[in-house]
Amino acid sequence: MKKFIETFTIDEVAEALKLHPYTVRRLCRERKIPAFKFGGQWRFKKEDIERWVNRRTEK
């Protein structure tokens, strides 16, 4: 059985992180947030975002 990866859109990540979508796009372009392009749109793996947030809040 195939496992599907749960992904978020820019708007979903922006809402969860309480950031403006433009800020999330900038972070993507600057490779400061884990993201990938799918169909020309930025996507985020749920587990990568959770790990990224945890690392940043542990400091």
PDB file of N, CA and C in Angstrom:
ATOM      1  N   MET A   1       0.833  -1.181   0.000  1.00  0.00           N
ATOM      2  CA  MET A   1       0.000   0.000   0.000  1.00  0.00           C
ATOM      3  C   MET A   1       0.880   1.248   0.000  1.00  0.00           C
ATOM      4  N   LYS A   2       0.553   2.200  -0.841  1.00  0.00           N
ATOM      5  CA  LYS A   2       1.327   3.427  -0.940  1.00  0.00           C
ATOM      6  C   LYS A   2       1.000   4.367   0.215  1.00  0.00           C
ATOM      7  N   LYS A   3       2.039   5.026   0.706  1.00  0.00           N
ATOM      8  CA  LYS A   3       1.882   6.003   1.771  1.00  0.00           C
ATOM      9  C   LYS A   3       1.870   7.395   1.155  1.00  0.00           C
ATOM     10  N   PHE A   4       0.863   8.179   1.472  1.00  0.00           N
ATOM     11  CA  PHE A   4       0.786   9.544   0.974  1.00  0.00           C
ATOM     12  C   PHE A   4       1.383  10.490   1.999  1.00  0.00           C
ATOM     13  N   ILE A   5       2.108  11.461   1.495  1.00  0.00           N
ATOM     14  CA  ILE A   5       2.746  12.452   2.357  1.00  0.00           C
ATOM     15  C   ILE A   5       1.782  13.608   2.555  1.00  0.00           C
ATOM     16  N   GLU A   6       1.583  13.985   3.817  1.00  0.00           N
ATOM     17  CA  GLU A   6       0.723  15.128   4.101  1.00  0.00           C
ATOM     18  C   GLU A   6       1.501  16.408   3.822  1.00  0.00           C
ATOM     19  N   THR A   7       0.932  17.262   2.986  1.00  0.00           N
ATOM     20  CA  THR A   7       1.598  18.506   2.612  1.00  0.00           C
ATOM     21  C   THR A   7       0.717  19.700   2.921  1.00  0.00           C
ATOM     22  N   PHE A   8       1.373  20.848   3.023  1.00  0.00           N
ATOM     23  CA  PHE A   8       0.689  22.120   3.249  1.00  0.00           C
ATOM     24  C   PHE A   8       0.951  23.050   2.081  1.00  0.00           C
ATOM     25  N   THR A   9       0.059  24.005   1.897  1.00  0.00           N
ATOM     26  CA  THR A   9       0.244  25.071   0.918  1.00  0.00           C
ATOM     27  C   THR A   9       0.886  26.269   1.622  1.00  0.00           C
ATOM     28  N   ILE A  10       1.244  27.269   0.850  1.00  0.00           N
ATOM     29  CA  ILE A  10       1.804  28.498   1.434  1.00  0.00           C
ATOM     30  C   ILE A  10       0.812  29.130   2.394  1.00  0.00           C
ATOM     31  N   ASP A  11      -0.445  29.208   2.001  1.00  0.00           N
ATOM     32  CA  ASP A  11      -1.443  29.833   2.874  1.00  0.00           C
ATOM     33  C   ASP A  11      -1.615  29.061   4.183  1.00  0.00           C
ATOM     34  N   GLU A  12      -1.564  27.749   4.119  1.00  0.00           N
ATOM     35  CA  GLU A  12      -1.704  26.941   5.336  1.00  0.00           C
ATOM     36  C   GLU A  12      -0.508  27.131   6.271  1.00  0.00           C
ATOM     37  N   VAL A  13       0.692  27.154   5.710  1.00  0.00           N
ATOM     38  CA  VAL A  13       1.891  27.373   6.528  1.00  0.00           C
ATOM     39  C   VAL A  13       1.878  28.786   7.105  1.00  0.00           C
ATOM     40  N   ALA A  14       1.516  29.764   6.285  1.00  0.00           N
ATOM     41  CA  ALA A  14       1.467  31.153   6.753  1.00  0.00           C
ATOM     42  C   ALA A  14       0.487  31.293   7.914  1.00  0.00           C
ATOM     43  N   GLU A  15      -0.663  30.673   7.801  1.00  0.00           N
ATOM     44  CA  GLU A  15      -1.659  30.751   8.876  1.00  0.00           C
ATOM     45  C   GLU A  15      -1.143  30.072  10.147  1.00  0.00           C
ATOM     46  N   ALA A  16      -0.553  28.903   9.989  1.00  0.00           N
ATOM     47  CA  ALA A  16      -0.058  28.160  11.150  1.00  0.00           C
ATOM     48  C   ALA A  16       1.074  28.909  11.854  1.00  0.00           C
ATOM     49  N   LEU A  17       1.944  29.567  11.087  1.00  0.00           N
ATOM     50  CA  LEU A  17       3.086  30.274  11.665  1.00  0.00           C
ATOM     51  C   LEU A  17       2.786  31.735  11.965  1.00  0.00           C
ATOM     52  N   LYS A  18       1.578  32.160  11.641  1.00  0.00           N
ATOM     53  CA  LYS A  18       1.154  33.553  11.837  1.00  0.00           C
ATOM     54  C   LYS A  18       2.081  34.522  11.095  1.00  0.00           C
ATOM     55  N   LEU A  19       2.353  34.174   9.835  1.00  0.00           N
ATOM     56  CA  LEU A  19       3.162  35.000   8.948  1.00  0.00           C
ATOM     57  C   LEU A  19       2.341  35.366   7.724  1.00  0.00           C
ATOM     58  N   HIS A  20       2.766  36.397   7.031  1.00  0.00           N
ATOM     59  CA  HIS A  20       2.116  36.761   5.771  1.00  0.00           C
ATOM     60  C   HIS A  20       2.583  35.773   4.701  1.00  0.00           C
ATOM     61  N   PRO A  21       1.700  35.387   3.771  1.00  0.00           N
ATOM     62  CA  PRO A  21       2.118  34.472   2.703  1.00  0.00           C
ATOM     63  C   PRO A  21       3.330  34.956   1.912  1.00  0.00           C
ATOM     64  N   TYR A  22       3.475  36.273   1.727  1.00  0.00           N
ATOM     65  CA  TYR A  22       4.648  36.795   1.021  1.00  0.00           C
ATOM     66  C   TYR A  22       5.935  36.482   1.785  1.00  0.00           C
ATOM     67  N   THR A  23       5.868  36.526   3.109  1.00  0.00           N
ATOM     68  CA  THR A  23       7.031  36.200   3.936  1.00  0.00           C
ATOM     69  C   THR A  23       7.406  34.735   3.761  1.00  0.00           C
ATOM     70  N   VAL A  24       6.420  33.859   3.715  1.00  0.00           N
ATOM     71  CA  VAL A  24       6.682  32.434   3.520  1.00  0.00           C
ATOM     72  C   VAL A  24       7.293  32.206   2.139  1.00  0.00           C
ATOM     73  N   ARG A  25       6.797  32.879   1.118  1.00  0.00           N
ATOM     74  CA  ARG A  25       7.365  32.756  -0.228  1.00  0.00           C
ATOM     75  C   ARG A  25       8.831  33.198  -0.245  1.00  0.00           C
ATOM     76  N   ARG A  26       9.130  34.294   0.442  1.00  0.00           N
ATOM     77  CA  ARG A  26      10.506  34.788   0.505  1.00  0.00           C
ATOM     78  C   ARG A  26      11.405  33.764   1.188  1.00  0.00           C
ATOM     79  N   LEU A  27      10.927  33.182   2.278  1.00  0.00           N
ATOM     80  CA  LEU A  27      11.704  32.154   2.975  1.00  0.00           C
ATOM     81  C   LEU A  27      11.959  30.959   2.058  1.00  0.00           C
ATOM     82  N   CYS A  28      11.002  30.616   1.229  1.00  0.00           N
ATOM     83  CA  CYS A  28      11.177  29.518   0.261  1.00  0.00           C
ATOM     84  C   CYS A  28      12.265  29.860  -0.749  1.00  0.00           C
ATOM     85  N   ARG A  29      12.157  31.043  -1.328  1.00  0.00           N
ATOM     86  CA  ARG A  29      13.147  31.457  -2.331  1.00  0.00           C
ATOM     87  C   ARG A  29      14.551  31.495  -1.748  1.00  0.00           C
ATOM     88  N   GLU A  30      14.659  31.911  -0.491  1.00  0.00           N
ATOM     89  CA  GLU A  30      15.960  32.018   0.172  1.00  0.00           C
ATOM     90  C   GLU A  30      16.408  30.688   0.777  1.00  0.00           C
ATOM     91  N   ARG A  31      15.601  29.652   0.579  1.00  0.00           N
ATOM     92  CA  ARG A  31      15.904  28.310   1.102  1.00  0.00           C
ATOM     93  C   ARG A  31      16.080  28.300   2.619  1.00  0.00           C
ATOM     94  N   LYS A  32      15.277  29.111   3.301  1.00  0.00           N
ATOM     95  CA  LYS A  32      15.361  29.182   4.757  1.00  0.00           C
ATOM     96  C   LYS A  32      14.283  28.344   5.439  1.00  0.00           C
ATOM     97  N   ILE A  33      13.376  27.802   4.651  1.00  0.00           N
ATOM     98  CA  ILE A  33      12.316  26.948   5.171  1.00  0.00           C
ATOM     99  C   ILE A  33      12.247  25.722   4.249  1.00  0.00           C
ATOM    100  N   PRO A  34      12.038  24.532   4.808  1.00  0.00           N
ATOM    101  CA  PRO A  34      12.009  23.344   3.946  1.00  0.00           C
ATOM    102  C   PRO A  34      10.756  23.316   3.065  1.00  0.00           C
ATOM    103  N   ALA A  35      10.966  23.366   1.764  1.00  0.00           N
ATOM    104  CA  ALA A  35       9.847  23.409   0.819  1.00  0.00           C
ATOM    105  C   ALA A  35      10.283  22.811  -0.509  1.00  0.00           C
ATOM    106  N   PHE A  36       9.301  22.489  -1.329  1.00  0.00           N
ATOM    107  CA  PHE A  36       9.581  22.010  -2.679  1.00  0.00           C
ATOM    108  C   PHE A  36       8.474  22.514  -3.592  1.00  0.00           C
ATOM    109  N   LYS A  37       8.788  22.571  -4.870  1.00  0.00           N
ATOM    110  CA  LYS A  37       7.784  23.008  -5.843  1.00  0.00           C
ATOM    111  C   LYS A  37       7.117  21.795  -6.473  1.00  0.00           C
ATOM    112  N   PHE A  38       5.803  21.878  -6.573  1.00  0.00           N
ATOM    113  CA  PHE A  38       5.011  20.826  -7.205  1.00  0.00           C
ATOM    114  C   PHE A  38       3.979  21.516  -8.081  1.00  0.00           C
ATOM    115  N   GLY A  39       4.064  21.293  -9.373  1.00  0.00           N
ATOM    116  CA  GLY A  39       3.139  21.967 -10.288  1.00  0.00           C
ATOM    117  C   GLY A  39       3.313  23.475 -10.281  1.00  0.00           C
ATOM    118  N   GLY A  40       4.536  23.941 -10.029  1.00  0.00           N
ATOM    119  CA  GLY A  40       4.794  25.378 -10.026  1.00  0.00           C
ATOM    120  C   GLY A  40       4.416  26.087  -8.744  1.00  0.00           C
ATOM    121  N   GLN A  41       3.922  25.344  -7.754  1.00  0.00           N
ATOM    122  CA  GLN A  41       3.525  25.941  -6.480  1.00  0.00           C
ATOM    123  C   GLN A  41       4.350  25.352  -5.346  1.00  0.00           C
ATOM    124  N   TRP A  42       4.653  26.189  -4.368  1.00  0.00           N
ATOM    125  CA  TRP A  42       5.412  25.722  -3.217  1.00  0.00           C
ATOM    126  C   TRP A  42       4.549  24.801  -2.374  1.00  0.00           C
ATOM    127  N   ARG A  43       5.166  23.719  -1.893  1.00  0.00           N
ATOM    128  CA  ARG A  43       4.511  22.774  -0.994  1.00  0.00           C
ATOM    129  C   ARG A  43       5.464  22.469   0.146  1.00  0.00           C
ATOM    130  N   PHE A  44       4.905  22.041   1.262  1.00  0.00           N
ATOM    131  CA  PHE A  44       5.671  21.793   2.476  1.00  0.00           C
ATOM    132  C   PHE A  44       5.230  20.466   3.071  1.00  0.00           C
ATOM    133  N   LYS A  45       6.202  19.595   3.358  1.00  0.00           N
ATOM    134  CA  LYS A  45       5.872  18.344   4.033  1.00  0.00           C
ATOM    135  C   LYS A  45       5.600  18.655   5.496  1.00  0.00           C
ATOM    136  N   LYS A  46       4.510  18.109   6.012  1.00  0.00           N
ATOM    137  CA  LYS A  46       4.112  18.363   7.392  1.00  0.00           C
ATOM    138  C   LYS A  46       5.255  18.040   8.354  1.00  0.00           C
ATOM    139  N   GLU A  47       5.871  16.884   8.199  1.00  0.00           N
ATOM    140  CA  GLU A  47       6.930  16.475   9.125  1.00  0.00           C
ATOM    141  C   GLU A  47       8.144  17.393   9.044  1.00  0.00           C
ATOM    142  N   ASP A  48       8.464  17.906   7.841  1.00  0.00           N
ATOM    143  CA  ASP A  48       9.599  18.824   7.698  1.00  0.00           C
ATOM    144  C   ASP A  48       9.326  20.153   8.395  1.00  0.00           C
ATOM    145  N   ILE A  49       8.112  20.658   8.265  1.00  0.00           N
ATOM    146  CA  ILE A  49       7.754  21.927   8.912  1.00  0.00           C
ATOM    147  C   ILE A  49       7.755  21.769  10.423  1.00  0.00           C
ATOM    148  N   GLU A  50       7.211  20.664  10.912  1.00  0.00           N
ATOM    149  CA  GLU A  50       7.203  20.426  12.363  1.00  0.00           C
ATOM    150  C   GLU A  50       8.631  20.364  12.900  1.00  0.00           C
ATOM    151  N   ARG A  51       9.519  19.659  12.199  1.00  0.00           N
ATOM    152  CA  ARG A  51      10.914  19.546  12.607  1.00  0.00           C
ATOM    153  C   ARG A  51      11.595  20.917  12.573  1.00  0.00           C
ATOM    154  N   TRP A  52      11.339  21.692  11.521  1.00  0.00           N
ATOM    155  CA  TRP A  52      11.930  23.018  11.361  1.00  0.00           C
ATOM    156  C   TRP A  52      11.502  23.942  12.509  1.00  0.00           C
ATOM    157  N   VAL A  53      10.209  23.932  12.832  1.00  0.00           N
ATOM    158  CA  VAL A  53       9.697  24.767  13.921  1.00  0.00           C
ATOM    159  C   VAL A  53      10.313  24.335  15.253  1.00  0.00           C
ATOM    160  N   ASN A  54      10.371  23.035  15.499  1.00  0.00           N
ATOM    161  CA  ASN A  54      10.933  22.528  16.749  1.00  0.00           C
ATOM    162  C   ASN A  54      12.394  22.943  16.914  1.00  0.00           C
ATOM    163  N   ARG A  55      13.170  22.845  15.846  1.00  0.00           N
ATOM    164  CA  ARG A  55      14.584  23.248  15.920  1.00  0.00           C
ATOM    165  C   ARG A  55      14.722  24.729  16.234  1.00  0.00           C
ATOM    166  N   ARG A  56      13.862  25.532  15.633  1.00  0.00           N
ATOM    167  CA  ARG A  56      13.963  26.987  15.833  1.00  0.00           C
ATOM    168  C   ARG A  56      13.483  27.404  17.210  1.00  0.00           C
ATOM    169  N   THR A  57      12.581  26.655  17.820  1.00  0.00           N
ATOM    170  CA  THR A  57      12.061  27.038  19.131  1.00  0.00           C
ATOM    171  C   THR A  57      12.898  26.460  20.269  1.00  0.00           C
ATOM    172  N   GLU A  58      13.775  25.508  19.974  1.00  0.00           N
ATOM    173  CA  GLU A  58      14.635  24.920  21.002  1.00  0.00           C
ATOM    174  C   GLU A  58      15.820  25.818  21.339  1.00  0.00           C
ATOM    175  N   LYS A  59      16.177  26.735  20.462  1.00  0.00           N
ATOM    176  CA  LYS A  59      17.370  27.565  20.661  1.00  0.00           C
ATOM    177  C   LYS A  59      17.200  28.553  21.784  1.00  0.00           C
TER     178      LYS A  59
END
